[in-house]
């Protein structure tokens, strides 16, 4: 596809009608990028189709963005010719849940390093994301990073128990200075068994 499009075709690619606002163009672009992100597809043919679709979306977005900027500012005698490479797919706009889902998918495929990176991004966006700590811990364990695994699982246990304690205090009237003792080891063992069974089942299915 050319770097320049008929303006009506550009609107059509983004699923918009001519005259859409700048905010609507951005919103449509972000939505389509999430849908057609190549990393969401495991099949090579689907991934290739997604890459082509993303190129078309980027060209259309650049075209409409350029037109809107020119409309808001003084007219220029030089045509604006933007490369599709100037608009990159920004996964940083994803929320913690999206990164967590990608991490689970990569872990199921055995792509443990990628999974750890995804869980880390989810935790940065939500430092109290218990499930992300758990899964990152188990993936680290699969790679032999036992210290990192223990750190993540202990953090998950701490967050989960803290939430449980808050409920206990509110219902029973315990003061915050009194904290009942819970056994973390049993929770740790249950989590290990659950995730390891899941990973073994995924490996057998491949």
C-alpha atoms as a PDB file:
ATOM      1  CA  UNK A   1       0.000   0.000   0.000  1.00  0.00           C
ATOM      2  CA  UNK A   2       1.205   3.533  -0.794  1.00  0.00           C
ATOM      3  CA  UNK A   3       2.144   5.953   1.975  1.00  0.00           C
ATOM      4  CA  UNK A   4      -0.658   8.215   0.672  1.00  0.00           C
ATOM      5  CA  UNK A   5      -4.316   7.246   0.561  1.00  0.00           C
ATOM      6  CA  UNK A   6      -7.554   8.701  -0.639  1.00  0.00           C
ATOM      7  CA  UNK A   7      -8.831  10.426   2.478  1.00  0.00           C
ATOM      8  CA  UNK A   8     -12.177   8.623   2.389  1.00  0.00           C
ATOM      9  CA  UNK A   9     -10.368   5.277   2.168  1.00  0.00           C
ATOM     10  CA  UNK A  10      -8.271   6.206   5.196  1.00  0.00           C
ATOM     11  CA  UNK A  11     -11.441   6.855   7.210  1.00  0.00           C
ATOM     12  CA  UNK A  12     -12.869   3.546   5.975  1.00  0.00           C
ATOM     13  CA  UNK A  13      -9.813   1.570   7.149  1.00  0.00           C
ATOM     14  CA  UNK A  14     -10.221   2.983  10.661  1.00  0.00           C
ATOM     15  CA  UNK A  15     -13.972   2.340  10.572  1.00  0.00           C
ATOM     16  CA  UNK A  16     -14.820   6.038  10.721  1.00  0.00           C
ATOM     17  CA  UNK A  17     -16.910   8.437   8.697  1.00  0.00           C
ATOM     18  CA  UNK A  18     -15.332  11.522   7.073  1.00  0.00           C
ATOM     19  CA  UNK A  19     -15.108  14.438   9.470  1.00  0.00           C
ATOM     20  CA  UNK A  20     -14.376  12.365  12.582  1.00  0.00           C
ATOM     21  CA  UNK A  21     -12.612  14.287  15.328  1.00  0.00           C
ATOM     22  CA  UNK A  22      -8.958  13.872  16.247  1.00  0.00           C
ATOM     23  CA  UNK A  23      -9.980  12.097  19.440  1.00  0.00           C
ATOM     24  CA  UNK A  24     -12.136   9.637  17.518  1.00  0.00           C
ATOM     25  CA  UNK A  25      -9.287   8.929  15.093  1.00  0.00           C
ATOM     26  CA  UNK A  26      -6.884   8.191  17.959  1.00  0.00           C
ATOM     27  CA  UNK A  27      -9.411   6.008  19.746  1.00  0.00           C
ATOM     28  CA  UNK A  28     -10.153   3.986  16.603  1.00  0.00           C
ATOM     29  CA  UNK A  29      -6.429   3.580  15.894  1.00  0.00           C
ATOM     30  CA  UNK A  30      -5.623   2.311  19.398  1.00  0.00           C
ATOM     31  CA  UNK A  31      -8.525  -0.134  19.303  1.00  0.00           C
ATOM     32  CA  UNK A  32      -7.473  -1.591  15.942  1.00  0.00           C
ATOM     33  CA  UNK A  33      -3.828  -1.854  16.998  1.00  0.00           C
ATOM     34  CA  UNK A  34      -4.829  -3.983  19.983  1.00  0.00           C
ATOM     35  CA  UNK A  35      -7.009  -6.204  17.802  1.00  0.00           C
ATOM     36  CA  UNK A  36      -4.418  -6.694  15.047  1.00  0.00           C
ATOM     37  CA  UNK A  37      -1.204  -6.746  17.082  1.00  0.00           C
ATOM     38  CA  UNK A  38       0.882  -9.512  15.378  1.00  0.00           C
ATOM     39  CA  UNK A  39       1.995 -10.941  18.730  1.00  0.00           C
ATOM     40  CA  UNK A  40      -1.590 -11.983  19.427  1.00  0.00           C
ATOM     41  CA  UNK A  41      -1.460 -14.575  16.633  1.00  0.00           C
ATOM     42  CA  UNK A  42       0.476 -17.841  16.842  1.00  0.00           C
ATOM     43  CA  UNK A  43      -0.276 -19.101  13.326  1.00  0.00           C
ATOM     44  CA  UNK A  44       2.340 -17.808  10.860  1.00  0.00           C
ATOM     45  CA  UNK A  45      -0.212 -17.002   8.154  1.00  0.00           C
ATOM     46  CA  UNK A  46      -2.439 -15.121  10.584  1.00  0.00           C
ATOM     47  CA  UNK A  47       0.584 -13.268  11.952  1.00  0.00           C
ATOM     48  CA  UNK A  48       1.578 -12.200   8.423  1.00  0.00           C
ATOM     49  CA  UNK A  49      -1.972 -11.039   7.685  1.00  0.00           C
ATOM     50  CA  UNK A  50      -1.971  -9.076  10.950  1.00  0.00           C
ATOM     51  CA  UNK A  51       1.315  -7.388  10.015  1.00  0.00           C
ATOM     52  CA  UNK A  52      -0.145  -6.290   6.669  1.00  0.00           C
ATOM     53  CA  UNK A  53      -3.280  -5.059   8.411  1.00  0.00           C
ATOM     54  CA  UNK A  54      -1.201  -3.053  10.892  1.00  0.00           C
ATOM     55  CA  UNK A  55       0.676  -1.424   8.010  1.00  0.00           C
ATOM     56  CA  UNK A  56      -2.617  -0.322   6.428  1.00  0.00           C
ATOM     57  CA  UNK A  57      -3.877   0.971   9.780  1.00  0.00           C
ATOM     58  CA  UNK A  58      -0.675   2.957  10.336  1.00  0.00           C
ATOM     59  CA  UNK A  59      -0.819   4.501   6.866  1.00  0.00           C
ATOM     60  CA  UNK A  60      -4.462   5.492   7.347  1.00  0.00           C
ATOM     61  CA  UNK A  61      -3.783   6.918  10.805  1.00  0.00           C
ATOM     62  CA  UNK A  62      -0.796   8.945   9.572  1.00  0.00           C
ATOM     63  CA  UNK A  63      -2.858  10.267   6.674  1.00  0.00           C
ATOM     64  CA  UNK A  64      -5.719  11.446   8.885  1.00  0.00           C
ATOM     65  CA  UNK A  65      -3.424  12.793  11.592  1.00  0.00           C
ATOM     66  CA  UNK A  66      -1.456  14.742   9.007  1.00  0.00           C
ATOM     67  CA  UNK A  67      -4.617  16.177   7.482  1.00  0.00           C
ATOM     68  CA  UNK A  68      -5.959  17.254  10.889  1.00  0.00           C
ATOM     69  CA  UNK A  69      -2.680  18.918  11.828  1.00  0.00           C
ATOM     70  CA  UNK A  70      -2.634  20.806   8.550  1.00  0.00           C
ATOM     71  CA  UNK A  71      -6.232  21.881   9.077  1.00  0.00           C
ATOM     72  CA  UNK A  72      -5.516  23.240  12.553  1.00  0.00           C
ATOM     73  CA  UNK A  73      -2.345  25.083  11.475  1.00  0.00           C
ATOM     74  CA  UNK A  74      -1.511  27.362   8.561  1.00  0.00           C
ATOM     75  CA  UNK A  75      -1.626  25.665   5.142  1.00  0.00           C
ATOM     76  CA  UNK A  76       1.695  24.410   3.858  1.00  0.00           C
ATOM     77  CA  UNK A  77       2.797  24.344   0.216  1.00  0.00           C
ATOM     78  CA  UNK A  78       4.846  21.213   0.837  1.00  0.00           C
ATOM     79  CA  UNK A  79       2.955  17.928   1.022  1.00  0.00           C
ATOM     80  CA  UNK A  80       3.392  15.923   4.202  1.00  0.00           C
ATOM     81  CA  UNK A  81       4.739  12.475   3.524  1.00  0.00           C
ATOM     82  CA  UNK A  82       5.041  10.456   6.709  1.00  0.00           C
ATOM     83  CA  UNK A  83       6.517   7.005   6.821  1.00  0.00           C
ATOM     84  CA  UNK A  84       4.530   4.255   8.473  1.00  0.00           C
ATOM     85  CA  UNK A  85       7.573   3.619  10.641  1.00  0.00           C
ATOM     86  CA  UNK A  86       6.969   6.931  12.438  1.00  0.00           C
ATOM     87  CA  UNK A  87       3.939   5.481  14.195  1.00  0.00           C
ATOM     88  CA  UNK A  88       4.914   2.511  16.282  1.00  0.00           C
ATOM     89  CA  UNK A  89       2.603   0.084  17.996  1.00  0.00           C
ATOM     90  CA  UNK A  90       2.694   1.159  21.615  1.00  0.00           C
ATOM     91  CA  UNK A  91       2.000  -1.760  23.940  1.00  0.00           C
ATOM     92  CA  UNK A  92       2.660   0.571  26.861  1.00  0.00           C
ATOM     93  CA  UNK A  93      -0.931   1.737  26.514  1.00  0.00           C
ATOM     94  CA  UNK A  94      -2.103  -1.733  27.472  1.00  0.00           C
ATOM     95  CA  UNK A  95      -3.355  -2.273  30.979  1.00  0.00           C
ATOM     96  CA  UNK A  96      -1.991  -4.718  33.559  1.00  0.00           C
ATOM     97  CA  UNK A  97      -4.574  -7.371  32.645  1.00  0.00           C
ATOM     98  CA  UNK A  98      -3.473  -7.328  28.988  1.00  0.00           C
ATOM     99  CA  UNK A  99       0.183  -7.853  29.921  1.00  0.00           C
ATOM    100  CA  UNK A 100      -0.793 -10.615  32.346  1.00  0.00           C
ATOM    101  CA  UNK A 101      -2.771 -12.419  29.621  1.00  0.00           C
ATOM    102  CA  UNK A 102       0.191 -12.175  27.248  1.00  0.00           C
ATOM    103  CA  UNK A 103       2.442 -13.577  29.966  1.00  0.00           C
ATOM    104  CA  UNK A 104       0.165 -16.568  30.509  1.00  0.00           C
ATOM    105  CA  UNK A 105       0.050 -17.200  26.756  1.00  0.00           C
ATOM    106  CA  UNK A 106       3.844 -17.057  26.439  1.00  0.00           C
ATOM    107  CA  UNK A 107       4.282 -19.321  29.471  1.00  0.00           C
ATOM    108  CA  UNK A 108       1.931 -21.880  27.913  1.00  0.00           C
ATOM    109  CA  UNK A 109       4.064 -21.820  24.761  1.00  0.00           C
ATOM    110  CA  UNK A 110       7.244 -22.330  26.764  1.00  0.00           C
ATOM    111  CA  UNK A 111       8.464 -18.782  26.052  1.00  0.00           C
ATOM    112  CA  UNK A 112       9.442 -18.208  29.652  1.00  0.00           C
ATOM    113  CA  UNK A 113      11.712 -15.178  29.192  1.00  0.00           C
ATOM    114  CA  UNK A 114       8.975 -13.345  27.284  1.00  0.00           C
ATOM    115  CA  UNK A 115       6.439 -14.378  29.922  1.00  0.00           C
ATOM    116  CA  UNK A 116       8.589 -12.951  32.715  1.00  0.00           C
ATOM    117  CA  UNK A 117       8.868  -9.651  30.830  1.00  0.00           C
ATOM    118  CA  UNK A 118       5.076  -9.503  30.399  1.00  0.00           C
ATOM    119  CA  UNK A 119       4.360 -10.251  34.065  1.00  0.00           C
ATOM    120  CA  UNK A 120       6.920  -7.623  35.082  1.00  0.00           C
ATOM    121  CA  UNK A 121       5.107  -4.986  32.998  1.00  0.00           C
ATOM    122  CA  UNK A 122       1.792  -5.996  34.559  1.00  0.00           C
ATOM    123  CA  UNK A 123       3.271  -5.625  38.052  1.00  0.00           C
ATOM    124  CA  UNK A 124       4.708  -2.200  37.226  1.00  0.00           C
ATOM    125  CA  UNK A 125       1.234  -1.036  36.262  1.00  0.00           C
ATOM    126  CA  UNK A 126      -0.386  -2.729  39.257  1.00  0.00           C
ATOM    127  CA  UNK A 127       2.088  -3.373  42.122  1.00  0.00           C
ATOM    128  CA  UNK A 128      -0.590  -5.377  43.987  1.00  0.00           C
ATOM    129  CA  UNK A 129      -1.316  -7.800  41.136  1.00  0.00           C
ATOM    130  CA  UNK A 130      -1.176 -11.034  43.145  1.00  0.00           C
ATOM    131  CA  UNK A 131      -1.711 -13.425  40.225  1.00  0.00           C
ATOM    132  CA  UNK A 132       1.099 -11.772  38.205  1.00  0.00           C
ATOM    133  CA  UNK A 133       3.530 -12.264  41.106  1.00  0.00           C
ATOM    134  CA  UNK A 134       2.448 -15.903  41.418  1.00  0.00           C
ATOM    135  CA  UNK A 135       2.814 -16.769  37.761  1.00  0.00           C
ATOM    136  CA  UNK A 136       6.123 -14.909  37.391  1.00  0.00           C
ATOM    137  CA  UNK A 137       7.404 -16.808  40.398  1.00  0.00           C
ATOM    138  CA  UNK A 138       6.506 -20.180  38.924  1.00  0.00           C
ATOM    139  CA  UNK A 139       8.004 -19.307  35.551  1.00  0.00           C
ATOM    140  CA  UNK A 140      11.219 -18.217  37.293  1.00  0.00           C
ATOM    141  CA  UNK A 141      11.204 -21.569  39.062  1.00  0.00           C
ATOM    142  CA  UNK A 142      10.961 -23.367  35.706  1.00  0.00           C
ATOM    143  CA  UNK A 143      14.095 -21.519  34.587  1.00  0.00           C
ATOM    144  CA  UNK A 144      15.925 -22.378  37.776  1.00  0.00           C
ATOM    145  CA  UNK A 145      15.763 -18.875  39.264  1.00  0.00           C
ATOM    146  CA  UNK A 146      14.770 -20.161  42.675  1.00  0.00           C
ATOM    147  CA  UNK A 147      15.642 -16.990  44.592  1.00  0.00           C
ATOM    148  CA  UNK A 148      13.503 -14.837  42.273  1.00  0.00           C
ATOM    149  CA  UNK A 149      10.732 -17.429  42.382  1.00  0.00           C
ATOM    150  CA  UNK A 150      10.679 -17.478  46.181  1.00  0.00           C
ATOM    151  CA  UNK A 151      10.697 -13.673  46.314  1.00  0.00           C
ATOM    152  CA  UNK A 152       7.688 -13.388  43.976  1.00  0.00           C
ATOM    153  CA  UNK A 153       5.701 -16.119  45.692  1.00  0.00           C
ATOM    154  CA  UNK A 154       6.368 -14.634  49.115  1.00  0.00           C
ATOM    155  CA  UNK A 155       5.243 -11.248  47.815  1.00  0.00           C
ATOM    156  CA  UNK A 156       2.050 -12.791  46.437  1.00  0.00           C
ATOM    157  CA  UNK A 157       1.429 -14.532  49.758  1.00  0.00           C
ATOM    158  CA  UNK A 158       2.008 -11.305  51.645  1.00  0.00           C
ATOM    159  CA  UNK A 159      -0.433  -9.357  49.473  1.00  0.00           C
ATOM    160  CA  UNK A 160      -3.050 -12.076  49.597  1.00  0.00           C
ATOM    161  CA  UNK A 161      -2.802 -12.521  53.343  1.00  0.00           C
ATOM    162  CA  UNK A 162      -2.863  -8.773  53.849  1.00  0.00           C
ATOM    163  CA  UNK A 163      -6.157  -8.648  51.969  1.00  0.00           C
ATOM    164  CA  UNK A 164      -7.502 -11.523  54.060  1.00  0.00           C
ATOM    165  CA  UNK A 165      -6.401  -9.852  57.271  1.00  0.00           C
ATOM    166  CA  UNK A 166      -8.186  -6.634  56.302  1.00  0.00           C
ATOM    167  CA  UNK A 167     -11.430  -8.587  55.970  1.00  0.00           C
ATOM    168  CA  UNK A 168     -10.850 -10.300  59.306  1.00  0.00           C
ATOM    169  CA  UNK A 169     -10.215  -7.008  61.074  1.00  0.00           C
ATOM    170  CA  UNK A 170     -13.319  -5.373  59.645  1.00  0.00           C
ATOM    171  CA  UNK A 171     -15.564  -8.311  60.555  1.00  0.00           C
ATOM    172  CA  UNK A 172     -14.147  -9.338  63.914  1.00  0.00           C
ATOM    173  CA  UNK A 173     -13.045  -5.993  65.329  1.00  0.00           C
ATOM    174  CA  UNK A 174      -9.370  -6.973  65.754  1.00  0.00           C
ATOM    175  CA  UNK A 175      -7.060  -4.015  66.240  1.00  0.00           C
ATOM    176  CA  UNK A 176      -4.308  -3.517  63.638  1.00  0.00           C
ATOM    177  CA  UNK A 177      -1.703  -4.252  66.345  1.00  0.00           C
ATOM    178  CA  UNK A 178      -3.041  -7.797  66.600  1.00  0.00           C
ATOM    179  CA  UNK A 179      -2.343  -9.915  63.538  1.00  0.00           C
ATOM    180  CA  UNK A 180      -3.302 -13.588  63.555  1.00  0.00           C
ATOM    181  CA  UNK A 181      -0.548 -15.903  62.292  1.00  0.00           C
ATOM    182  CA  UNK A 182      -1.200 -17.708  59.001  1.00  0.00           C
ATOM    183  CA  UNK A 183       0.795 -20.545  57.485  1.00  0.00           C
ATOM    184  CA  UNK A 184       2.360 -19.316  54.242  1.00  0.00           C
ATOM    185  CA  UNK A 185       4.036 -22.614  53.483  1.00  0.00           C
ATOM    186  CA  UNK A 186       0.766 -24.434  52.817  1.00  0.00           C
ATOM    187  CA  UNK A 187      -0.383 -21.699  50.418  1.00  0.00           C
ATOM    188  CA  UNK A 188       2.994 -21.753  48.696  1.00  0.00           C
ATOM    189  CA  UNK A 189       2.775 -25.533  48.180  1.00  0.00           C
ATOM    190  CA  UNK A 190      -0.742 -25.330  46.767  1.00  0.00           C
ATOM    191  CA  UNK A 191       0.263 -22.638  44.268  1.00  0.00           C
ATOM    192  CA  UNK A 192       3.323 -24.628  43.171  1.00  0.00           C
ATOM    193  CA  UNK A 193       1.329 -27.789  42.582  1.00  0.00           C
ATOM    194  CA  UNK A 194      -1.409 -25.958  40.672  1.00  0.00           C
ATOM    195  CA  UNK A 195       0.864 -24.091  38.250  1.00  0.00           C
ATOM    196  CA  UNK A 196       3.274 -26.975  37.708  1.00  0.00           C
ATOM    197  CA  UNK A 197       0.352 -29.235  36.757  1.00  0.00           C
ATOM    198  CA  UNK A 198      -0.810 -26.565  34.306  1.00  0.00           C
ATOM    199  CA  UNK A 199       2.639 -26.219  32.730  1.00  0.00           C
ATOM    200  CA  UNK A 200       3.089 -30.005  32.431  1.00  0.00           C
ATOM    201  CA  UNK A 201      -0.323 -30.317  30.792  1.00  0.00           C
ATOM    202  CA  UNK A 202       0.546 -27.575  28.299  1.00  0.00           C
ATOM    203  CA  UNK A 203       3.863 -29.211  27.422  1.00  0.00           C
ATOM    204  CA  UNK A 204       2.171 -32.575  26.788  1.00  0.00           C
ATOM    205  CA  UNK A 205      -0.442 -30.947  24.529  1.00  0.00           C
ATOM    206  CA  UNK A 206       2.186 -29.333  22.258  1.00  0.00           C
END
